[in-house]
Each structure stands twice: as C-alpha cells, then as structure tokens.
Amino acid sequence: MFINSTISTPVKKEYIASLHFPPYEVLDSPEEIKQRKADIERGRFLGNAYKSKVVIYFKDSKGLKQVETTIWSITETQVMLKNNMSIPLNRIFKVKLQNESLKYSNI
C-alpha cells in the first residue's frame, strides 16, 4: 500500500495516548503484514543500537497520522515508544527508516 505523507497528519508521540484505535487490521495482504513486521523489527534494532528514529504511518479512528519516534520494543499487538506510549500493530500502515545511512549498510 502506498502512503502519501502529505495526506497524513503529523502528531507528537505524547498525543498518541489520547487517540482511539479501532480493532481491525489496516493492511490487506499477508505480504504487506510480513513486510511491516520486518520494517518494525529493523526500526527497533536501529533505535536501540544507534538511536535512529523512524516515521510511523498509522490510522486512528479519525484518519491517517504519522509520528517521528524511536521504537523501543515490540509485543504481539503493540509497538512500544518512549514514555510508555504505544501504537497497535494492526493500525500501522508503514514504518519508514529516517536516518539509516550507508555506514550501517551491513545491518
């Protein structure tokens, strides 16, 4: 699924706790879900090892949002961010690695 960052609303991670997330999956195919999981895992690794940030594109009950943050950990159902904030895994469309550079190309 193509996500156009110009149609998503940037939010601060501290605002995420006030959002409402419906329970259903936002991605259509098993391949997209598998790629999302791989991107989240890579973002978590880069965040923990190199303090790299990602942009997470997700959908709450009101529409498409984005947040620039560091992924701290992942559970079966949640992506955990700093300050005990979380986003349900099934509401995430895409994770874009922000600061991944060539010096980490072997990762």
PDB file of N, CA and C in Angstrom:
ATOM      1  N   MET A   1       0.849  -1.185   0.000  1.00  0.00           N
ATOM      2  CA  MET A   1       0.000   0.000   0.000  1.00  0.00           C
ATOM      3  C   MET A   1       0.887   1.239   0.000  1.00  0.00           C
ATOM      4  N   PHE A   2       0.601   2.164  -0.861  1.00  0.00           N
ATOM      5  CA  PHE A   2       1.345   3.421  -0.941  1.00  0.00           C
ATOM      6  C   PHE A   2       0.767   4.416   0.047  1.00  0.00           C
ATOM      7  N   ILE A   3       1.642   5.001   0.864  1.00  0.00           N
ATOM      8  CA  ILE A   3       1.219   6.017   1.829  1.00  0.00           C
ATOM      9  C   ILE A   3       1.816   7.342   1.396  1.00  0.00           C
ATOM     10  N   ASN A   4       0.979   8.315   1.175  1.00  0.00           N
ATOM     11  CA  ASN A   4       1.417   9.652   0.796  1.00  0.00           C
ATOM     12  C   ASN A   4       1.531  10.483   2.072  1.00  0.00           C
ATOM     13  N   SER A   5       2.768  10.849   2.416  1.00  0.00           N
ATOM     14  CA  SER A   5       2.974  11.570   3.675  1.00  0.00           C
ATOM     15  C   SER A   5       2.297  12.937   3.702  1.00  0.00           C
ATOM     16  N   THR A   6       1.931  13.471   2.545  1.00  0.00           N
ATOM     17  CA  THR A   6       1.273  14.781   2.527  1.00  0.00           C
ATOM     18  C   THR A   6      -0.175  14.703   2.992  1.00  0.00           C
ATOM     19  N   ILE A   7      -0.766  13.504   2.977  1.00  0.00           N
ATOM     20  CA  ILE A   7      -2.155  13.388   3.436  1.00  0.00           C
ATOM     21  C   ILE A   7      -2.246  12.902   4.885  1.00  0.00           C
ATOM     22  N   SER A   8      -1.113  12.611   5.496  1.00  0.00           N
ATOM     23  CA  SER A   8      -1.128  12.180   6.892  1.00  0.00           C
ATOM     24  C   SER A   8      -0.849  13.376   7.800  1.00  0.00           C
ATOM     25  N   THR A   9      -1.456  13.348   8.964  1.00  0.00           N
ATOM     26  CA  THR A   9      -1.306  14.425   9.934  1.00  0.00           C
ATOM     27  C   THR A   9      -0.165  14.095  10.891  1.00  0.00           C
ATOM     28  N   PRO A  10       0.860  14.941  10.941  1.00  0.00           N
ATOM     29  CA  PRO A  10       1.931  14.697  11.916  1.00  0.00           C
ATOM     30  C   PRO A  10       1.407  14.904  13.337  1.00  0.00           C
ATOM     31  N   VAL A  11       1.790  13.994  14.237  1.00  0.00           N
ATOM     32  CA  VAL A  11       1.424  14.121  15.644  1.00  0.00           C
ATOM     33  C   VAL A  11       2.661  13.899  16.506  1.00  0.00           C
ATOM     34  N   LYS A  12       2.655  14.477  17.683  1.00  0.00           N
ATOM     35  CA  LYS A  12       3.717  14.236  18.657  1.00  0.00           C
ATOM     36  C   LYS A  12       3.403  12.932  19.381  1.00  0.00           C
ATOM     37  N   LYS A  13       4.444  12.194  19.727  1.00  0.00           N
ATOM     38  CA  LYS A  13       4.213  10.897  20.366  1.00  0.00           C
ATOM     39  C   LYS A  13       3.426  11.023  21.664  1.00  0.00           C
ATOM     40  N   GLU A  14       3.554  12.139  22.369  1.00  0.00           N
ATOM     41  CA  GLU A  14       2.824  12.343  23.620  1.00  0.00           C
ATOM     42  C   GLU A  14       1.301  12.413  23.396  1.00  0.00           C
ATOM     43  N   TYR A  15       0.884  12.710  22.185  1.00  0.00           N
ATOM     44  CA  TYR A  15      -0.532  12.829  21.830  1.00  0.00           C
ATOM     45  C   TYR A  15      -1.175  11.467  21.549  1.00  0.00           C
ATOM     46  N   ILE A  16      -0.360  10.452  21.300  1.00  0.00           N
ATOM     47  CA  ILE A  16      -0.863   9.145  20.886  1.00  0.00           C
ATOM     48  C   ILE A  16      -1.793   8.520  21.925  1.00  0.00           C
ATOM     49  N   ALA A  17      -1.519   8.726  23.195  1.00  0.00           N
ATOM     50  CA  ALA A  17      -2.353   8.144  24.256  1.00  0.00           C
ATOM     51  C   ALA A  17      -3.803   8.634  24.193  1.00  0.00           C
ATOM     52  N   SER A  18      -4.030   9.785  23.600  1.00  0.00           N
ATOM     53  CA  SER A  18      -5.389  10.320  23.529  1.00  0.00           C
ATOM     54  C   SER A  18      -6.156   9.871  22.278  1.00  0.00           C
ATOM     55  N   LEU A  19      -5.520   9.101  21.414  1.00  0.00           N
ATOM     56  CA  LEU A  19      -6.165   8.648  20.177  1.00  0.00           C
ATOM     57  C   LEU A  19      -6.958   7.371  20.417  1.00  0.00           C
ATOM     58  N   HIS A  20      -7.981   7.171  19.578  1.00  0.00           N
ATOM     59  CA  HIS A  20      -8.779   5.947  19.635  1.00  0.00           C
ATOM     60  C   HIS A  20      -8.425   5.086  18.427  1.00  0.00           C
ATOM     61  N   PHE A  21      -8.137   3.803  18.674  1.00  0.00           N
ATOM     62  CA  PHE A  21      -7.754   2.890  17.615  1.00  0.00           C
ATOM     63  C   PHE A  21      -8.788   1.778  17.465  1.00  0.00           C
ATOM     64  N   PRO A  22      -9.467   1.715  16.305  1.00  0.00           N
ATOM     65  CA  PRO A  22     -10.380   0.589  16.053  1.00  0.00           C
ATOM     66  C   PRO A  22      -9.601  -0.726  16.045  1.00  0.00           C
ATOM     67  N   PRO A  23     -10.269  -1.855  16.258  1.00  0.00           N
ATOM     68  CA  PRO A  23      -9.557  -3.128  16.408  1.00  0.00           C
ATOM     69  C   PRO A  23      -9.142  -3.825  15.110  1.00  0.00           C
ATOM     70  N   TYR A  24      -9.610  -3.376  13.960  1.00  0.00           N
ATOM     71  CA  TYR A  24      -9.353  -4.136  12.738  1.00  0.00           C
ATOM     72  C   TYR A  24      -8.013  -3.784  12.076  1.00  0.00           C
ATOM     73  N   GLU A  25      -7.551  -4.691  11.238  1.00  0.00           N
ATOM     74  CA  GLU A  25      -6.282  -4.588  10.514  1.00  0.00           C
ATOM     75  C   GLU A  25      -6.397  -3.564   9.378  1.00  0.00           C
ATOM     76  N   VAL A  26      -5.349  -2.749   9.182  1.00  0.00           N
ATOM     77  CA  VAL A  26      -5.363  -1.745   8.121  1.00  0.00           C
ATOM     78  C   VAL A  26      -4.714  -2.234   6.822  1.00  0.00           C
ATOM     79  N   LEU A  27      -3.943  -3.299   6.888  1.00  0.00           N
ATOM     80  CA  LEU A  27      -3.296  -3.814   5.673  1.00  0.00           C
ATOM     81  C   LEU A  27      -4.142  -4.927   5.064  1.00  0.00           C
ATOM     82  N   ASP A  28      -3.988  -5.099   3.752  1.00  0.00           N
ATOM     83  CA  ASP A  28      -4.834  -6.032   3.017  1.00  0.00           C
ATOM     84  C   ASP A  28      -4.248  -7.432   2.848  1.00  0.00           C
ATOM     85  N   SER A  29      -2.945  -7.545   2.730  1.00  0.00           N
ATOM     86  CA  SER A  29      -2.374  -8.835   2.354  1.00  0.00           C
ATOM     87  C   SER A  29      -1.379  -9.357   3.388  1.00  0.00           C
ATOM     88  N   PRO A  30      -1.208 -10.672   3.425  1.00  0.00           N
ATOM     89  CA  PRO A  30      -0.197 -11.260   4.304  1.00  0.00           C
ATOM     90  C   PRO A  30       1.215 -10.762   3.981  1.00  0.00           C
ATOM     91  N   GLU A  31       1.488 -10.477   2.728  1.00  0.00           N
ATOM     92  CA  GLU A  31       2.800  -9.969   2.328  1.00  0.00           C
ATOM     93  C   GLU A  31       3.059  -8.592   2.922  1.00  0.00           C
ATOM     94  N   GLU A  32       2.052  -7.717   2.897  1.00  0.00           N
ATOM     95  CA  GLU A  32       2.191  -6.391   3.495  1.00  0.00           C
ATOM     96  C   GLU A  32       2.394  -6.482   5.006  1.00  0.00           C
ATOM     97  N   ILE A  33       1.689  -7.385   5.634  1.00  0.00           N
ATOM     98  CA  ILE A  33       1.799  -7.575   7.084  1.00  0.00           C
ATOM     99  C   ILE A  33       3.191  -8.093   7.431  1.00  0.00           C
ATOM    100  N   LYS A  34       3.698  -9.013   6.651  1.00  0.00           N
ATOM    101  CA  LYS A  34       5.046  -9.547   6.872  1.00  0.00           C
ATOM    102  C   LYS A  34       6.107  -8.454   6.690  1.00  0.00           C
ATOM    103  N   GLN A  35       5.951  -7.616   5.664  1.00  0.00           N
ATOM    104  CA  GLN A  35       6.902  -6.533   5.424  1.00  0.00           C
ATOM    105  C   GLN A  35       6.849  -5.509   6.556  1.00  0.00           C
ATOM    106  N   ARG A  36       5.643  -5.203   7.030  1.00  0.00           N
ATOM    107  CA  ARG A  36       5.503  -4.263   8.152  1.00  0.00           C
ATOM    108  C   ARG A  36       6.253  -4.784   9.368  1.00  0.00           C
ATOM    109  N   LYS A  37       6.092  -6.058   9.676  1.00  0.00           N
ATOM    110  CA  LYS A  37       6.770  -6.655  10.835  1.00  0.00           C
ATOM    111  C   LYS A  37       8.285  -6.553  10.682  1.00  0.00           C
ATOM    112  N   ALA A  38       8.794  -6.831   9.482  1.00  0.00           N
ATOM    113  CA  ALA A  38      10.236  -6.737   9.236  1.00  0.00           C
ATOM    114  C   ALA A  38      10.726  -5.295   9.389  1.00  0.00           C
ATOM    115  N   ASP A  39       9.968  -4.339   8.875  1.00  0.00           N
ATOM    116  CA  ASP A  39      10.345  -2.922   8.986  1.00  0.00           C
ATOM    117  C   ASP A  39      10.335  -2.459  10.440  1.00  0.00           C
ATOM    118  N   ILE A  40       9.362  -2.924  11.206  1.00  0.00           N
ATOM    119  CA  ILE A  40       9.287  -2.555  12.615  1.00  0.00           C
ATOM    120  C   ILE A  40      10.464  -3.155  13.381  1.00  0.00           C
ATOM    121  N   GLU A  41      10.775  -4.406  13.108  1.00  0.00           N
ATOM    122  CA  GLU A  41      11.917  -5.058  13.768  1.00  0.00           C
ATOM    123  C   GLU A  41      13.214  -4.314  13.446  1.00  0.00           C
ATOM    124  N   ARG A  42      13.392  -3.945  12.196  1.00  0.00           N
ATOM    125  CA  ARG A  42      14.596  -3.209  11.788  1.00  0.00           C
ATOM    126  C   ARG A  42      14.630  -1.834  12.468  1.00  0.00           C
ATOM    127  N   GLY A  43      13.494  -1.161  12.519  1.00  0.00           N
ATOM    128  CA  GLY A  43      13.416   0.132  13.201  1.00  0.00           C
ATOM    129  C   GLY A  43      13.732   0.024  14.680  1.00  0.00           C
ATOM    130  N   ARG A  44      13.260  -1.052  15.319  1.00  0.00           N
ATOM    131  CA  ARG A  44      13.559  -1.286  16.736  1.00  0.00           C
ATOM    132  C   ARG A  44      15.048  -1.501  16.940  1.00  0.00           C
ATOM    133  N   PHE A  45      15.653  -2.310  16.090  1.00  0.00           N
ATOM    134  CA  PHE A  45      17.086  -2.563  16.200  1.00  0.00           C
ATOM    135  C   PHE A  45      17.892  -1.275  16.033  1.00  0.00           C
ATOM    136  N   LEU A  46      17.577  -0.510  14.995  1.00  0.00           N
ATOM    137  CA  LEU A  46      18.311   0.730  14.749  1.00  0.00           C
ATOM    138  C   LEU A  46      18.078   1.752  15.863  1.00  0.00           C
ATOM    139  N   GLY A  47      16.882   1.783  16.416  1.00  0.00           N
ATOM    140  CA  GLY A  47      16.595   2.699  17.515  1.00  0.00           C
ATOM    141  C   GLY A  47      17.371   2.350  18.764  1.00  0.00           C
ATOM    142  N   ASN A  48      17.413   1.056  19.094  1.00  0.00           N
ATOM    143  CA  ASN A  48      18.116   0.632  20.304  1.00  0.00           C
ATOM    144  C   ASN A  48      19.626   0.688  20.134  1.00  0.00           C
ATOM    145  N   ALA A  49      20.125   0.325  18.968  1.00  0.00           N
ATOM    146  CA  ALA A  49      21.571   0.262  18.761  1.00  0.00           C
ATOM    147  C   ALA A  49      22.180   1.611  18.392  1.00  0.00           C
ATOM    148  N   TYR A  50      21.449   2.414  17.601  1.00  0.00           N
ATOM    149  CA  TYR A  50      22.030   3.644  17.048  1.00  0.00           C
ATOM    150  C   TYR A  50      21.211   4.896  17.318  1.00  0.00           C
ATOM    151  N   LYS A  51      20.153   4.770  18.121  1.00  0.00           N
ATOM    152  CA  LYS A  51      19.272   5.910  18.439  1.00  0.00           C
ATOM    153  C   LYS A  51      18.624   6.504  17.190  1.00  0.00           C
ATOM    154  N   SER A  52      18.432   5.673  16.164  1.00  0.00           N
ATOM    155  CA  SER A  52      17.807   6.128  14.921  1.00  0.00           C
ATOM    156  C   SER A  52      16.297   6.253  15.094  1.00  0.00           C
ATOM    157  N   LYS A  53      15.740   7.258  14.470  1.00  0.00           N
ATOM    158  CA  LYS A  53      14.291   7.467  14.506  1.00  0.00           C
ATOM    159  C   LYS A  53      13.667   6.910  13.240  1.00  0.00           C
ATOM    160  N   VAL A  54      12.364   6.646  13.337  1.00  0.00           N
ATOM    161  CA  VAL A  54      11.564   6.203  12.199  1.00  0.00           C
ATOM    162  C   VAL A  54      10.346   7.105  12.102  1.00  0.00           C
ATOM    163  N   VAL A  55       9.697   7.061  10.951  1.00  0.00           N
ATOM    164  CA  VAL A  55       8.380   7.681  10.814  1.00  0.00           C
ATOM    165  C   VAL A  55       7.389   6.533  10.711  1.00  0.00           C
ATOM    166  N   ILE A  56       6.425   6.522  11.617  1.00  0.00           N
ATOM    167  CA  ILE A  56       5.380   5.504  11.624  1.00  0.00           C
ATOM    168  C   ILE A  56       4.111   6.131  11.068  1.00  0.00           C
ATOM    169  N   TYR A  57       3.579   5.532  10.007  1.00  0.00           N
ATOM    170  CA  TYR A  57       2.311   5.957   9.422  1.00  0.00           C
ATOM    171  C   TYR A  57       1.242   5.014   9.945  1.00  0.00           C
ATOM    172  N   PHE A  58       0.222   5.565  10.593  1.00  0.00           N
ATOM    173  CA  PHE A  58      -0.806   4.736  11.209  1.00  0.00           C
ATOM    174  C   PHE A  58      -2.166   5.407  11.067  1.00  0.00           C
ATOM    175  N   LYS A  59      -3.189   4.635  11.354  1.00  0.00           N
ATOM    176  CA  LYS A  59      -4.554   5.154  11.228  1.00  0.00           C
ATOM    177  C   LYS A  59      -5.289   4.977  12.548  1.00  0.00           C
ATOM    178  N   ASP A  60      -5.813   6.094  13.051  1.00  0.00           N
ATOM    179  CA  ASP A  60      -6.676   6.030  14.227  1.00  0.00           C
ATOM    180  C   ASP A  60      -8.120   6.108  13.732  1.00  0.00           C
ATOM    181  N   SER A  61      -9.054   6.364  14.626  1.00  0.00           N
ATOM    182  CA  SER A  61     -10.468   6.404  14.222  1.00  0.00           C
ATOM    183  C   SER A  61     -10.816   7.610  13.356  1.00  0.00           C
ATOM    184  N   LYS A  62      -9.930   8.615  13.311  1.00  0.00           N
ATOM    185  CA  LYS A  62     -10.232   9.831  12.552  1.00  0.00           C
ATOM    186  C   LYS A  62      -9.432   9.972  11.263  1.00  0.00           C
ATOM    187  N   GLY A  63      -8.435   9.131  11.045  1.00  0.00           N
ATOM    188  CA  GLY A  63      -7.697   9.235   9.798  1.00  0.00           C
ATOM    189  C   GLY A  63      -6.232   8.879   9.915  1.00  0.00           C
ATOM    190  N   LEU A  64      -5.512   9.148   8.833  1.00  0.00           N
ATOM    191  CA  LEU A  64      -4.101   8.796   8.729  1.00  0.00           C
ATOM    192  C   LEU A  64      -3.233   9.790   9.485  1.00  0.00           C
ATOM    193  N   LYS A  65      -2.327   9.253  10.295  1.00  0.00           N
ATOM    194  CA  LYS A  65      -1.419  10.068  11.094  1.00  0.00           C
ATOM    195  C   LYS A  65       0.012   9.576  10.869  1.00  0.00           C
ATOM    196  N   GLN A  66       0.965  10.402  11.296  1.00  0.00           N
ATOM    197  CA  GLN A  66       2.362   9.989  11.286  1.00  0.00           C
ATOM    198  C   GLN A  66       3.050  10.546  12.518  1.00  0.00           C
ATOM    199  N   VAL A  67       4.044   9.796  12.998  1.00  0.00           N
ATOM    200  CA  VAL A  67       4.824  10.226  14.146  1.00  0.00           C
ATOM    201  C   VAL A  67       6.282   9.865  13.893  1.00  0.00           C
ATOM    202  N   GLU A  68       7.170  10.788  14.203  1.00  0.00           N
ATOM    203  CA  GLU A  68       8.601  10.520  14.131  1.00  0.00           C
ATOM    204  C   GLU A  68       9.057  10.166  15.536  1.00  0.00           C
ATOM    205  N   THR A  69       9.640   8.986  15.678  1.00  0.00           N
ATOM    206  CA  THR A  69       9.949   8.486  17.014  1.00  0.00           C
ATOM    207  C   THR A  69      10.992   7.384  16.957  1.00  0.00           C
ATOM    208  N   THR A  70      11.355   6.892  18.113  1.00  0.00           N
ATOM    209  CA  THR A  70      12.221   5.725  18.247  1.00  0.00           C
ATOM    210  C   THR A  70      11.367   4.565  18.733  1.00  0.00           C
ATOM    211  N   ILE A  71      11.499   3.418  18.097  1.00  0.00           N
ATOM    212  CA  ILE A  71      10.798   2.215  18.550  1.00  0.00           C
ATOM    213  C   ILE A  71      11.629   1.571  19.646  1.00  0.00           C
ATOM    214  N   TRP A  72      11.027   1.417  20.815  1.00  0.00           N
ATOM    215  CA  TRP A  72      11.758   0.833  21.939  1.00  0.00           C
ATOM    216  C   TRP A  72      11.605  -0.671  21.997  1.00  0.00           C
ATOM    217  N   SER A  73      10.389  -1.158  21.776  1.00  0.00           N
ATOM    218  CA  SER A  73      10.163  -2.599  21.793  1.00  0.00           C
ATOM    219  C   SER A  73       8.887  -2.925  21.039  1.00  0.00           C
ATOM    220  N   ILE A  74       8.667  -4.232  20.885  1.00  0.00           N
ATOM    221  CA  ILE A  74       7.503  -4.709  20.144  1.00  0.00           C
ATOM    222  C   ILE A  74       6.900  -5.868  20.929  1.00  0.00           C
ATOM    223  N   THR A  75       5.576  -5.869  21.049  1.00  0.00           N
ATOM    224  CA  THR A  75       4.878  -7.022  21.619  1.00  0.00           C
ATOM    225  C   THR A  75       4.092  -7.672  20.472  1.00  0.00           C
ATOM    226  N   GLU A  76       3.313  -8.655  20.799  1.00  0.00           N
ATOM    227  CA  GLU A  76       2.492  -9.316  19.775  1.00  0.00           C
ATOM    228  C   GLU A  76       1.466  -8.365  19.155  1.00  0.00           C
ATOM    229  N   THR A  77       1.055  -7.346  19.918  1.00  0.00           N
ATOM    230  CA  THR A  77      -0.023  -6.479  19.446  1.00  0.00           C
ATOM    231  C   THR A  77       0.318  -4.992  19.428  1.00  0.00           C
ATOM    232  N   GLN A  78       1.453  -4.597  20.024  1.00  0.00           N
ATOM    233  CA  GLN A  78       1.772  -3.180  20.186  1.00  0.00           C
ATOM    234  C   GLN A  78       3.205  -2.864  19.766  1.00  0.00           C
ATOM    235  N   VAL A  79       3.399  -1.645  19.281  1.00  0.00           N
ATOM    236  CA  VAL A  79       4.734  -1.090  19.074  1.00  0.00           C
ATOM    237  C   VAL A  79       4.931  -0.080  20.195  1.00  0.00           C
ATOM    238  N   MET A  80       5.919  -0.336  21.023  1.00  0.00           N
ATOM    239  CA  MET A  80       6.150   0.482  22.208  1.00  0.00           C
ATOM    240  C   MET A  80       7.139   1.607  21.889  1.00  0.00           C
ATOM    241  N   LEU A  81       6.766   2.819  22.309  1.00  0.00           N
ATOM    242  CA  LEU A  81       7.571   4.008  22.094  1.00  0.00           C
ATOM    243  C   LEU A  81       8.045   4.535  23.444  1.00  0.00           C
ATOM    244  N   LYS A  82       8.793   5.607  23.415  1.00  0.00           N
ATOM    245  CA  LYS A  82       9.282   6.235  24.641  1.00  0.00           C
ATOM    246  C   LYS A  82       8.110   6.719  25.502  1.00  0.00           C
ATOM    247  N   ASN A  83       8.345   6.817  26.802  1.00  0.00           N
ATOM    248  CA  ASN A  83       7.358   7.311  27.776  1.00  0.00           C
ATOM    249  C   ASN A  83       6.092   6.466  27.830  1.00  0.00           C
ATOM    250  N   ASN A  84       6.250   5.165  27.628  1.00  0.00           N
ATOM    251  CA  ASN A  84       5.141   4.222  27.740  1.00  0.00           C
ATOM    252  C   ASN A  84       4.011   4.472  26.746  1.00  0.00           C
ATOM    253  N   MET A  85       4.320   5.099  25.634  1.00  0.00           N
ATOM    254  CA  MET A  85       3.347   5.286  24.557  1.00  0.00           C
ATOM    255  C   MET A  85       3.374   4.044  23.671  1.00  0.00           C
ATOM    256  N   SER A  86       2.256   3.731  23.034  1.00  0.00           N
ATOM    257  CA  SER A  86       2.222   2.584  22.128  1.00  0.00           C
ATOM    258  C   SER A  86       1.214   2.806  21.014  1.00  0.00           C
ATOM    259  N   ILE A  87       1.439   2.094  19.916  1.00  0.00           N
ATOM    260  CA  ILE A  87       0.532   2.102  18.769  1.00  0.00           C
ATOM    261  C   ILE A  87       0.190   0.646  18.483  1.00  0.00           C
ATOM    262  N   PRO A  88      -1.098   0.321  18.322  1.00  0.00           N
ATOM    263  CA  PRO A  88      -1.447  -1.060  17.977  1.00  0.00           C
ATOM    264  C   PRO A  88      -0.795  -1.456  16.647  1.00  0.00           C
ATOM    265  N   LEU A  89      -0.194  -2.614  16.624  1.00  0.00           N
ATOM    266  CA  LEU A  89       0.494  -3.104  15.433  1.00  0.00           C
ATOM    267  C   LEU A  89      -0.428  -3.152  14.217  1.00  0.00           C
ATOM    268  N   ASN A  90      -1.669  -3.574  14.425  1.00  0.00           N
ATOM    269  CA  ASN A  90      -2.600  -3.724  13.297  1.00  0.00           C
ATOM    270  C   ASN A  90      -3.109  -2.390  12.744  1.00  0.00           C
ATOM    271  N   ARG A  91      -2.720  -1.261  13.335  1.00  0.00           N
ATOM    272  CA  ARG A  91      -3.139   0.054  12.844  1.00  0.00           C
ATOM    273  C   ARG A  91      -2.006   0.766  12.095  1.00  0.00           C
ATOM    274  N   ILE A  92      -0.869   0.109  11.957  1.00  0.00           N
ATOM    275  CA  ILE A  92       0.287   0.711  11.292  1.00  0.00           C
ATOM    276  C   ILE A  92       0.312   0.304   9.822  1.00  0.00           C
ATOM    277  N   PHE A  93       0.384   1.315   8.947  1.00  0.00           N
ATOM    278  CA  PHE A  93       0.490   1.078   7.507  1.00  0.00           C
ATOM    279  C   PHE A  93       1.934   0.861   7.095  1.00  0.00           C
ATOM    280  N   LYS A  94       2.820   1.710   7.601  1.00  0.00           N
ATOM    281  CA  LYS A  94       4.195   1.704   7.115  1.00  0.00           C
ATOM    282  C   LYS A  94       5.123   2.270   8.178  1.00  0.00           C
ATOM    283  N   VAL A  95       6.356   1.765   8.161  1.00  0.00           N
ATOM    284  CA  VAL A  95       7.421   2.299   9.002  1.00  0.00           C
ATOM    285  C   VAL A  95       8.543   2.697   8.060  1.00  0.00           C
ATOM    286  N   LYS A  96       8.872   3.972   8.070  1.00  0.00           N
ATOM    287  CA  LYS A  96       9.930   4.499   7.202  1.00  0.00           C
ATOM    288  C   LYS A  96      11.156   4.780   8.056  1.00  0.00           C
ATOM    289  N   LEU A  97      12.264   4.166   7.694  1.00  0.00           N
ATOM    290  CA  LEU A  97      13.506   4.384   8.428  1.00  0.00           C
ATOM    291  C   LEU A  97      14.041   5.748   8.062  1.00  0.00           C
ATOM    292  N   GLN A  98      14.151   6.630   9.046  1.00  0.00           N
ATOM    293  CA  GLN A  98      14.553   8.020   8.829  1.00  0.00           C
ATOM    294  C   GLN A  98      16.043   8.194   8.554  1.00  0.00           C
ATOM    295  N   ASN A  99      16.855   7.791   9.508  1.00  0.00           N
ATOM    296  CA  ASN A  99      18.266   8.152   9.491  1.00  0.00           C
ATOM    297  C   ASN A  99      19.180   6.974   9.188  1.00  0.00           C
ATOM    298  N   GLU A 100      18.658   5.988   8.517  1.00  0.00           N
ATOM    299  CA  GLU A 100      19.510   4.860   8.159  1.00  0.00           C
ATOM    300  C   GLU A 100      20.495   5.322   7.107  1.00  0.00           C
ATOM    301  N   SER A 101      21.772   5.157   7.390  1.00  0.00           N
ATOM    302  CA  SER A 101      22.775   5.655   6.466  1.00  0.00           C
ATOM    303  C   SER A 101      23.639   4.515   5.963  1.00  0.00           C
ATOM    304  N   LEU A 102      24.513   4.836   5.003  1.00  0.00           N
ATOM    305  CA  LEU A 102      25.380   3.830   4.425  1.00  0.00           C
ATOM    306  C   LEU A 102      26.350   3.241   5.429  1.00  0.00           C
ATOM    307  N   LYS A 103      26.671   3.971   6.487  1.00  0.00           N
ATOM    308  CA  LYS A 103      27.611   3.426   7.462  1.00  0.00           C
ATOM    309  C   LYS A 103      27.013   2.228   8.199  1.00  0.00           C
ATOM    310  N   TYR A 104      25.685   2.045   8.107  1.00  0.00           N
ATOM    311  CA  TYR A 104      25.046   0.882   8.718  1.00  0.00           C
ATOM    312  C   TYR A 104      24.545  -0.093   7.660  1.00  0.00           C
ATOM    313  N   SER A 105      25.140  -0.076   6.481  1.00  0.00           N
ATOM    314  CA  SER A 105      24.612  -0.872   5.378  1.00  0.00           C
ATOM    315  C   SER A 105      24.698  -2.370   5.617  1.00  0.00           C
ATOM    316  N   ASN A 106      25.524  -2.821   6.551  1.00  0.00           N
ATOM    317  CA  ASN A 106      25.628  -4.237   6.827  1.00  0.00           C
ATOM    318  C   ASN A 106      24.559  -4.748   7.786  1.00  0.00           C
ATOM    319  N   ILE A 107      23.689  -3.877   8.240  1.00  0.00           N
ATOM    320  CA  ILE A 107      22.648  -4.255   9.206  1.00  0.00           C
ATOM    321  C   ILE A 107      21.462  -4.854   8.464  1.00  0.00           C
TER     322      ILE A 107
END
